[in-house]
Amino acid sequence: MPRIAPHGYSRMFMTHPIPASALLGTGSIVIMLSKTLGFYAELERIEYVTSVAGTGSGASQTFYVRKGSATGTICGTVNPVLATTTTIGMMVVGTITSAGGENKFTDTDTMTLERAASGTAFTAGAGTIYLTFRVKPQRLT
């Protein structure tokens, strides 16, 4: 387990493409299962950016970042809807749950990205989820 260095924070970004198949359905699907970051980090921001314009009457999907497996604690949520996905490059900023430290990861914690089992299916569309982490410099000894 690395130790935390005494210096300030830096930011680390993780991106994950959301293909059309993840927007077209309505059941729960796991997009990334139990990814170990391997370092201490705090999830600060989750965003969805449109790469293929969305279509579909009343379309809406919810994506969760969970600490742990697909049944773990929700630490981030983003909800792209039709009105926020009609143009390439549109961004939806989600919310982070930090009250109980749910958004803080150790070097052995895992993270899962999933689409919730609700929503109204898009008929077209795709995007990318951007995760921003605050990371303290770490040292080996």
N, C-alpha and C. Protein backbone atom coordinates (compact mmCIF):
# COMPACT_ATOMS: atom_id res chain seq x y z
N MET A 1 0.85 -1.17 0.00
CA MET A 1 0.00 0.00 0.00
C MET A 1 0.90 1.24 0.00
N PRO A 2 0.77 2.10 -1.00
CA PRO A 2 1.60 3.31 -1.04
C PRO A 2 1.19 4.30 0.04
N ARG A 3 2.12 5.12 0.44
CA ARG A 3 1.83 6.18 1.40
C ARG A 3 1.51 7.46 0.66
N ILE A 4 0.82 8.33 1.34
CA ILE A 4 0.46 9.62 0.76
C ILE A 4 1.61 10.60 0.97
N ALA A 5 2.01 11.27 -0.08
CA ALA A 5 3.05 12.29 0.02
C ALA A 5 2.43 13.57 0.57
N PRO A 6 3.24 14.46 1.16
CA PRO A 6 2.69 15.65 1.82
C PRO A 6 2.33 16.80 0.88
N HIS A 7 2.50 16.63 -0.40
CA HIS A 7 2.29 17.72 -1.34
C HIS A 7 0.82 17.81 -1.78
N GLY A 8 0.48 18.79 -2.59
CA GLY A 8 -0.90 19.05 -3.01
C GLY A 8 -1.51 17.94 -3.86
N TYR A 9 -2.68 18.22 -4.38
CA TYR A 9 -3.43 17.26 -5.17
C TYR A 9 -3.17 17.42 -6.66
N SER A 10 -3.44 16.37 -7.41
CA SER A 10 -3.48 16.43 -8.86
C SER A 10 -4.79 15.79 -9.31
N ARG A 11 -5.11 15.90 -10.57
CA ARG A 11 -6.35 15.32 -11.10
C ARG A 11 -6.00 14.19 -12.07
N MET A 12 -6.80 13.14 -12.04
CA MET A 12 -6.66 12.04 -12.97
C MET A 12 -8.01 11.86 -13.64
N PHE A 13 -8.00 11.61 -14.93
CA PHE A 13 -9.24 11.46 -15.68
C PHE A 13 -9.34 10.06 -16.25
N MET A 14 -10.52 9.50 -16.19
CA MET A 14 -10.80 8.20 -16.77
C MET A 14 -11.99 8.37 -17.71
N THR A 15 -11.87 7.83 -18.90
CA THR A 15 -12.98 7.91 -19.85
C THR A 15 -13.49 6.51 -20.16
N HIS A 16 -14.77 6.43 -20.43
CA HIS A 16 -15.34 5.15 -20.83
C HIS A 16 -16.40 5.40 -21.89
N PRO A 17 -16.22 4.81 -23.09
CA PRO A 17 -17.23 5.01 -24.14
C PRO A 17 -18.54 4.33 -23.78
N ILE A 18 -19.63 5.00 -24.11
CA ILE A 18 -20.97 4.43 -23.92
C ILE A 18 -21.54 4.19 -25.31
N PRO A 19 -21.53 2.95 -25.78
CA PRO A 19 -22.01 2.67 -27.13
C PRO A 19 -23.53 2.76 -27.22
N ALA A 20 -24.03 2.79 -28.44
CA ALA A 20 -25.47 2.87 -28.64
C ALA A 20 -26.21 1.76 -27.90
N SER A 21 -25.63 0.58 -27.84
CA SER A 21 -26.31 -0.55 -27.17
C SER A 21 -26.57 -0.27 -25.69
N ALA A 22 -25.77 0.60 -25.07
CA ALA A 22 -25.98 0.93 -23.66
C ALA A 22 -27.08 1.98 -23.48
N LEU A 23 -27.48 2.64 -24.56
CA LEU A 23 -28.56 3.63 -24.48
C LEU A 23 -29.89 3.06 -24.98
N LEU A 24 -29.84 2.00 -25.79
CA LEU A 24 -31.05 1.51 -26.46
C LEU A 24 -31.95 0.69 -25.56
N GLY A 25 -31.44 0.03 -24.57
CA GLY A 25 -32.26 -0.84 -23.74
C GLY A 25 -32.79 -0.14 -22.51
N THR A 26 -33.45 -0.92 -21.64
CA THR A 26 -33.97 -0.36 -20.39
C THR A 26 -33.59 -1.18 -19.17
N GLY A 27 -33.01 -2.35 -19.33
CA GLY A 27 -32.62 -3.15 -18.18
C GLY A 27 -31.25 -2.76 -17.67
N SER A 28 -30.91 -3.25 -16.50
CA SER A 28 -29.60 -2.97 -15.91
C SER A 28 -28.51 -3.70 -16.69
N ILE A 29 -27.42 -3.00 -17.01
CA ILE A 29 -26.26 -3.64 -17.62
C ILE A 29 -25.00 -3.09 -16.96
N VAL A 30 -24.02 -3.97 -16.80
CA VAL A 30 -22.73 -3.57 -16.25
C VAL A 30 -21.83 -3.22 -17.42
N ILE A 31 -21.26 -2.03 -17.39
CA ILE A 31 -20.39 -1.57 -18.46
C ILE A 31 -18.94 -1.82 -18.12
N MET A 32 -18.58 -1.66 -16.86
CA MET A 32 -17.23 -1.94 -16.36
C MET A 32 -17.39 -2.55 -14.97
N LEU A 33 -16.85 -3.74 -14.76
CA LEU A 33 -17.06 -4.46 -13.51
C LEU A 33 -15.79 -4.51 -12.67
N SER A 34 -15.89 -4.01 -11.45
CA SER A 34 -14.86 -4.16 -10.43
C SER A 34 -13.45 -3.79 -10.89
N LYS A 35 -13.31 -2.60 -11.42
CA LYS A 35 -12.00 -2.07 -11.84
C LYS A 35 -11.25 -1.60 -10.59
N THR A 36 -10.04 -2.12 -10.37
CA THR A 36 -9.21 -1.68 -9.26
C THR A 36 -8.36 -0.50 -9.73
N LEU A 37 -8.48 0.64 -9.04
CA LEU A 37 -7.69 1.80 -9.42
C LEU A 37 -6.21 1.60 -9.08
N GLY A 38 -5.93 1.00 -7.94
CA GLY A 38 -4.54 0.73 -7.56
C GLY A 38 -3.87 1.89 -6.84
N PHE A 39 -4.62 2.93 -6.50
CA PHE A 39 -4.07 4.08 -5.78
C PHE A 39 -5.20 4.77 -5.05
N TYR A 40 -4.85 5.64 -4.12
CA TYR A 40 -5.86 6.40 -3.40
C TYR A 40 -6.42 7.49 -4.31
N ALA A 41 -7.74 7.63 -4.34
CA ALA A 41 -8.36 8.64 -5.20
C ALA A 41 -9.73 9.01 -4.64
N GLU A 42 -10.17 10.19 -4.99
CA GLU A 42 -11.49 10.67 -4.60
C GLU A 42 -12.24 11.09 -5.86
N LEU A 43 -13.38 10.45 -6.11
CA LEU A 43 -14.18 10.79 -7.28
C LEU A 43 -14.78 12.18 -7.08
N GLU A 44 -14.46 13.10 -7.97
CA GLU A 44 -14.94 14.48 -7.86
C GLU A 44 -16.05 14.82 -8.82
N ARG A 45 -16.06 14.18 -9.99
CA ARG A 45 -17.00 14.60 -11.03
C ARG A 45 -17.29 13.45 -11.98
N ILE A 46 -18.54 13.39 -12.45
CA ILE A 46 -18.93 12.45 -13.48
C ILE A 46 -19.68 13.25 -14.54
N GLU A 47 -19.33 13.01 -15.81
CA GLU A 47 -19.95 13.73 -16.92
C GLU A 47 -20.25 12.75 -18.05
N TYR A 48 -21.29 13.05 -18.79
CA TYR A 48 -21.61 12.33 -20.02
C TYR A 48 -21.52 13.33 -21.16
N VAL A 49 -20.72 13.01 -22.19
CA VAL A 49 -20.57 13.88 -23.35
C VAL A 49 -21.05 13.12 -24.58
N THR A 50 -21.96 13.74 -25.32
CA THR A 50 -22.56 13.12 -26.50
C THR A 50 -21.57 13.03 -27.65
N SER A 51 -21.46 11.84 -28.26
CA SER A 51 -20.62 11.67 -29.45
C SER A 51 -21.45 11.31 -30.68
N VAL A 52 -22.65 10.77 -30.47
CA VAL A 52 -23.63 10.53 -31.54
C VAL A 52 -24.95 11.07 -31.02
N ALA A 53 -25.55 11.99 -31.75
CA ALA A 53 -26.78 12.65 -31.30
C ALA A 53 -27.84 11.62 -30.92
N GLY A 54 -28.49 11.89 -29.79
CA GLY A 54 -29.53 10.99 -29.30
C GLY A 54 -30.89 11.27 -29.94
N THR A 55 -31.66 10.21 -30.12
CA THR A 55 -33.03 10.32 -30.59
C THR A 55 -33.89 9.36 -29.79
N GLY A 56 -35.20 9.60 -29.79
CA GLY A 56 -36.13 8.72 -29.08
C GLY A 56 -37.02 9.52 -28.17
N SER A 57 -38.30 9.41 -28.37
CA SER A 57 -39.27 10.18 -27.61
C SER A 57 -39.15 9.92 -26.11
N GLY A 58 -38.87 10.96 -25.34
CA GLY A 58 -38.78 10.84 -23.89
C GLY A 58 -37.58 10.06 -23.41
N ALA A 59 -36.57 9.88 -24.24
CA ALA A 59 -35.42 9.05 -23.90
C ALA A 59 -34.69 9.58 -22.66
N SER A 60 -34.30 8.65 -21.79
CA SER A 60 -33.61 8.99 -20.55
C SER A 60 -32.95 7.73 -19.99
N GLN A 61 -31.67 7.84 -19.63
CA GLN A 61 -30.97 6.72 -19.00
C GLN A 61 -30.20 7.25 -17.79
N THR A 62 -29.97 6.38 -16.83
CA THR A 62 -29.19 6.74 -15.65
C THR A 62 -28.00 5.79 -15.55
N PHE A 63 -26.82 6.37 -15.35
CA PHE A 63 -25.60 5.59 -15.16
C PHE A 63 -25.07 5.84 -13.76
N TYR A 64 -24.61 4.74 -13.13
CA TYR A 64 -24.08 4.81 -11.78
C TYR A 64 -22.60 4.42 -11.78
N VAL A 65 -21.82 5.08 -10.94
CA VAL A 65 -20.50 4.60 -10.55
C VAL A 65 -20.70 4.04 -9.15
N ARG A 66 -20.32 2.78 -8.97
CA ARG A 66 -20.47 2.12 -7.68
C ARG A 66 -19.10 1.79 -7.10
N LYS A 67 -19.00 1.92 -5.81
CA LYS A 67 -17.80 1.48 -5.11
C LYS A 67 -17.98 -0.01 -4.86
N GLY A 68 -17.11 -0.81 -5.45
CA GLY A 68 -17.24 -2.26 -5.33
C GLY A 68 -17.88 -2.85 -6.57
N SER A 69 -18.67 -3.88 -6.36
CA SER A 69 -19.29 -4.62 -7.47
C SER A 69 -20.58 -3.94 -7.93
N ALA A 70 -21.33 -4.65 -8.77
CA ALA A 70 -22.58 -4.12 -9.32
C ALA A 70 -23.65 -3.90 -8.25
N THR A 71 -23.42 -4.39 -7.04
CA THR A 71 -24.37 -4.16 -5.95
C THR A 71 -23.78 -3.23 -4.89
N GLY A 72 -22.63 -2.64 -5.20
CA GLY A 72 -21.94 -1.77 -4.25
C GLY A 72 -22.64 -0.43 -4.05
N THR A 73 -22.08 0.38 -3.19
CA THR A 73 -22.62 1.70 -2.86
C THR A 73 -22.48 2.65 -4.04
N ILE A 74 -23.54 3.36 -4.36
CA ILE A 74 -23.50 4.33 -5.45
C ILE A 74 -22.72 5.56 -4.99
N CYS A 75 -21.71 5.95 -5.78
CA CYS A 75 -20.93 7.14 -5.42
C CYS A 75 -21.00 8.22 -6.50
N GLY A 76 -21.60 7.93 -7.64
CA GLY A 76 -21.77 8.93 -8.69
C GLY A 76 -22.92 8.55 -9.60
N THR A 77 -23.65 9.55 -10.08
CA THR A 77 -24.81 9.34 -10.94
C THR A 77 -24.82 10.39 -12.05
N VAL A 78 -25.09 9.96 -13.27
CA VAL A 78 -25.29 10.90 -14.37
C VAL A 78 -26.50 10.43 -15.17
N ASN A 79 -27.31 11.40 -15.62
CA ASN A 79 -28.59 11.07 -16.26
C ASN A 79 -28.74 11.80 -17.60
N PRO A 80 -28.20 11.22 -18.71
CA PRO A 80 -28.43 11.84 -20.00
C PRO A 80 -29.89 11.64 -20.44
N VAL A 81 -30.50 12.71 -20.89
CA VAL A 81 -31.88 12.66 -21.41
C VAL A 81 -31.86 13.20 -22.82
N LEU A 82 -32.94 13.01 -23.55
CA LEU A 82 -32.99 13.41 -24.94
C LEU A 82 -32.59 14.88 -25.13
N ALA A 83 -33.11 15.77 -24.31
CA ALA A 83 -32.85 17.21 -24.47
C ALA A 83 -31.37 17.56 -24.30
N THR A 84 -30.61 16.71 -23.60
CA THR A 84 -29.20 17.02 -23.37
C THR A 84 -28.26 16.20 -24.25
N THR A 85 -28.81 15.51 -25.26
CA THR A 85 -27.98 14.67 -26.12
C THR A 85 -28.26 14.89 -27.61
N THR A 86 -28.98 15.93 -27.95
CA THR A 86 -29.39 16.13 -29.35
C THR A 86 -28.28 16.67 -30.24
N THR A 87 -27.20 17.16 -29.66
CA THR A 87 -26.09 17.72 -30.43
C THR A 87 -24.79 17.10 -29.95
N ILE A 88 -23.93 16.76 -30.88
CA ILE A 88 -22.62 16.20 -30.52
C ILE A 88 -21.87 17.22 -29.67
N GLY A 89 -21.28 16.75 -28.59
CA GLY A 89 -20.51 17.61 -27.70
C GLY A 89 -21.28 18.12 -26.49
N MET A 90 -22.61 17.92 -26.48
CA MET A 90 -23.38 18.35 -25.30
C MET A 90 -22.92 17.57 -24.07
N MET A 91 -22.85 18.24 -22.93
CA MET A 91 -22.36 17.64 -21.70
C MET A 91 -23.43 17.64 -20.62
N VAL A 92 -23.53 16.52 -19.92
CA VAL A 92 -24.40 16.40 -18.75
C VAL A 92 -23.49 16.16 -17.56
N VAL A 93 -23.56 17.02 -16.56
CA VAL A 93 -22.76 16.86 -15.35
C VAL A 93 -23.61 16.14 -14.31
N GLY A 94 -23.09 15.08 -13.75
CA GLY A 94 -23.81 14.29 -12.77
C GLY A 94 -23.56 14.76 -11.35
N THR A 95 -23.94 13.92 -10.41
CA THR A 95 -23.78 14.23 -8.99
C THR A 95 -22.89 13.17 -8.32
N ILE A 96 -22.19 13.61 -7.30
CA ILE A 96 -21.30 12.73 -6.54
C ILE A 96 -21.85 12.61 -5.13
N THR A 97 -21.87 11.39 -4.60
CA THR A 97 -22.28 11.14 -3.22
C THR A 97 -21.03 11.07 -2.37
N SER A 98 -20.86 12.04 -1.47
CA SER A 98 -19.64 12.08 -0.69
C SER A 98 -19.87 12.15 0.82
N ALA A 99 -21.12 12.18 1.24
CA ALA A 99 -21.43 12.38 2.67
C ALA A 99 -20.76 11.36 3.57
N GLY A 100 -20.75 10.11 3.18
CA GLY A 100 -20.17 9.07 4.02
C GLY A 100 -18.83 8.57 3.51
N GLY A 101 -18.20 9.33 2.62
CA GLY A 101 -16.92 8.91 2.07
C GLY A 101 -17.04 7.89 0.96
N GLU A 102 -18.27 7.72 0.41
CA GLU A 102 -18.49 6.73 -0.64
C GLU A 102 -17.63 6.99 -1.87
N ASN A 103 -17.24 8.23 -2.10
CA ASN A 103 -16.49 8.59 -3.29
C ASN A 103 -14.96 8.48 -3.10
N LYS A 104 -14.52 7.98 -1.95
CA LYS A 104 -13.09 7.84 -1.68
C LYS A 104 -12.67 6.38 -1.87
N PHE A 105 -11.62 6.19 -2.66
CA PHE A 105 -11.14 4.86 -2.99
C PHE A 105 -9.73 4.67 -2.45
N THR A 106 -9.47 3.48 -1.89
CA THR A 106 -8.12 3.11 -1.50
C THR A 106 -7.48 2.38 -2.69
N ASP A 107 -6.23 1.96 -2.53
CA ASP A 107 -5.55 1.28 -3.62
C ASP A 107 -6.11 -0.12 -3.89
N THR A 108 -6.93 -0.65 -2.99
CA THR A 108 -7.50 -1.99 -3.22
C THR A 108 -9.00 -1.96 -3.50
N ASP A 109 -9.64 -0.81 -3.38
CA ASP A 109 -11.07 -0.71 -3.68
C ASP A 109 -11.31 -0.89 -5.18
N THR A 110 -12.50 -1.38 -5.51
CA THR A 110 -12.88 -1.52 -6.91
C THR A 110 -14.03 -0.57 -7.24
N MET A 111 -14.23 -0.38 -8.52
CA MET A 111 -15.25 0.54 -9.01
C MET A 111 -15.98 -0.13 -10.17
N THR A 112 -17.30 0.06 -10.22
CA THR A 112 -18.13 -0.51 -11.27
C THR A 112 -18.96 0.60 -11.91
N LEU A 113 -19.10 0.53 -13.23
CA LEU A 113 -19.93 1.47 -13.98
C LEU A 113 -21.09 0.68 -14.55
N GLU A 114 -22.32 1.14 -14.30
CA GLU A 114 -23.48 0.41 -14.79
C GLU A 114 -24.58 1.35 -15.26
N ARG A 115 -25.43 0.82 -16.14
CA ARG A 115 -26.66 1.52 -16.50
C ARG A 115 -27.75 0.98 -15.60
N ALA A 116 -28.52 1.88 -15.02
CA ALA A 116 -29.58 1.48 -14.08
C ALA A 116 -30.70 0.75 -14.82
N ALA A 117 -31.47 0.00 -14.06
CA ALA A 117 -32.57 -0.79 -14.61
C ALA A 117 -33.84 0.05 -14.72
N SER A 118 -33.72 1.21 -15.28
CA SER A 118 -34.88 2.08 -15.45
C SER A 118 -34.63 2.96 -16.65
N GLY A 119 -35.48 3.89 -16.86
CA GLY A 119 -35.28 4.81 -17.97
C GLY A 119 -36.13 4.45 -19.17
N THR A 120 -36.02 5.31 -20.17
CA THR A 120 -36.72 5.12 -21.44
C THR A 120 -35.66 5.02 -22.52
N ALA A 121 -35.74 3.99 -23.34
CA ALA A 121 -34.70 3.71 -24.32
C ALA A 121 -34.56 4.80 -25.37
N PHE A 122 -33.33 5.09 -25.74
CA PHE A 122 -33.02 5.91 -26.89
C PHE A 122 -33.21 5.04 -28.14
N THR A 123 -33.46 5.66 -29.29
CA THR A 123 -33.49 4.91 -30.54
C THR A 123 -32.17 5.05 -31.28
N ALA A 124 -31.35 6.02 -30.89
CA ALA A 124 -30.00 6.20 -31.41
C ALA A 124 -29.24 7.07 -30.41
N GLY A 125 -27.92 7.02 -30.50
CA GLY A 125 -27.09 7.86 -29.64
C GLY A 125 -25.92 7.09 -29.08
N ALA A 126 -24.92 7.82 -28.67
CA ALA A 126 -23.75 7.26 -28.00
C ALA A 126 -23.01 8.42 -27.34
N GLY A 127 -22.11 8.08 -26.44
CA GLY A 127 -21.35 9.13 -25.76
C GLY A 127 -20.18 8.56 -25.00
N THR A 128 -19.62 9.38 -24.15
CA THR A 128 -18.49 8.98 -23.32
C THR A 128 -18.73 9.49 -21.91
N ILE A 129 -18.45 8.63 -20.94
CA ILE A 129 -18.51 9.06 -19.54
C ILE A 129 -17.09 9.42 -19.12
N TYR A 130 -16.96 10.61 -18.54
CA TYR A 130 -15.69 11.11 -18.03
C TYR A 130 -15.77 11.13 -16.51
N LEU A 131 -14.79 10.50 -15.88
CA LEU A 131 -14.68 10.50 -14.43
C LEU A 131 -13.45 11.30 -14.05
N THR A 132 -13.60 12.23 -13.12
CA THR A 132 -12.48 13.03 -12.63
C THR A 132 -12.20 12.64 -11.19
N PHE A 133 -10.96 12.29 -10.93
CA PHE A 133 -10.52 11.91 -9.59
C PHE A 133 -9.51 12.92 -9.07
N ARG A 134 -9.60 13.22 -7.79
CA ARG A 134 -8.57 14.00 -7.11
C ARG A 134 -7.62 13.01 -6.47
N VAL A 135 -6.34 13.17 -6.75
CA VAL A 135 -5.33 12.21 -6.31
C VAL A 135 -4.21 12.96 -5.59
N LYS A 136 -3.86 12.47 -4.42
CA LYS A 136 -2.68 13.01 -3.72
C LYS A 136 -1.44 12.28 -4.25
N PRO A 137 -0.33 12.99 -4.37
CA PRO A 137 0.90 12.31 -4.77
C PRO A 137 1.20 11.19 -3.79
N GLN A 138 1.70 10.08 -4.30
CA GLN A 138 1.97 8.92 -3.46
C GLN A 138 3.43 8.54 -3.55
N ARG A 139 3.93 7.91 -2.52
CA ARG A 139 5.32 7.47 -2.50
C ARG A 139 5.37 6.01 -2.10
N LEU A 140 6.43 5.36 -2.43
CA LEU A 140 6.55 3.93 -2.17
C LEU A 140 6.93 3.61 -0.74
N THR A 141 7.65 4.46 -0.05
CA THR A 141 8.08 4.16 1.31
C THR A 141 7.53 5.15 2.30
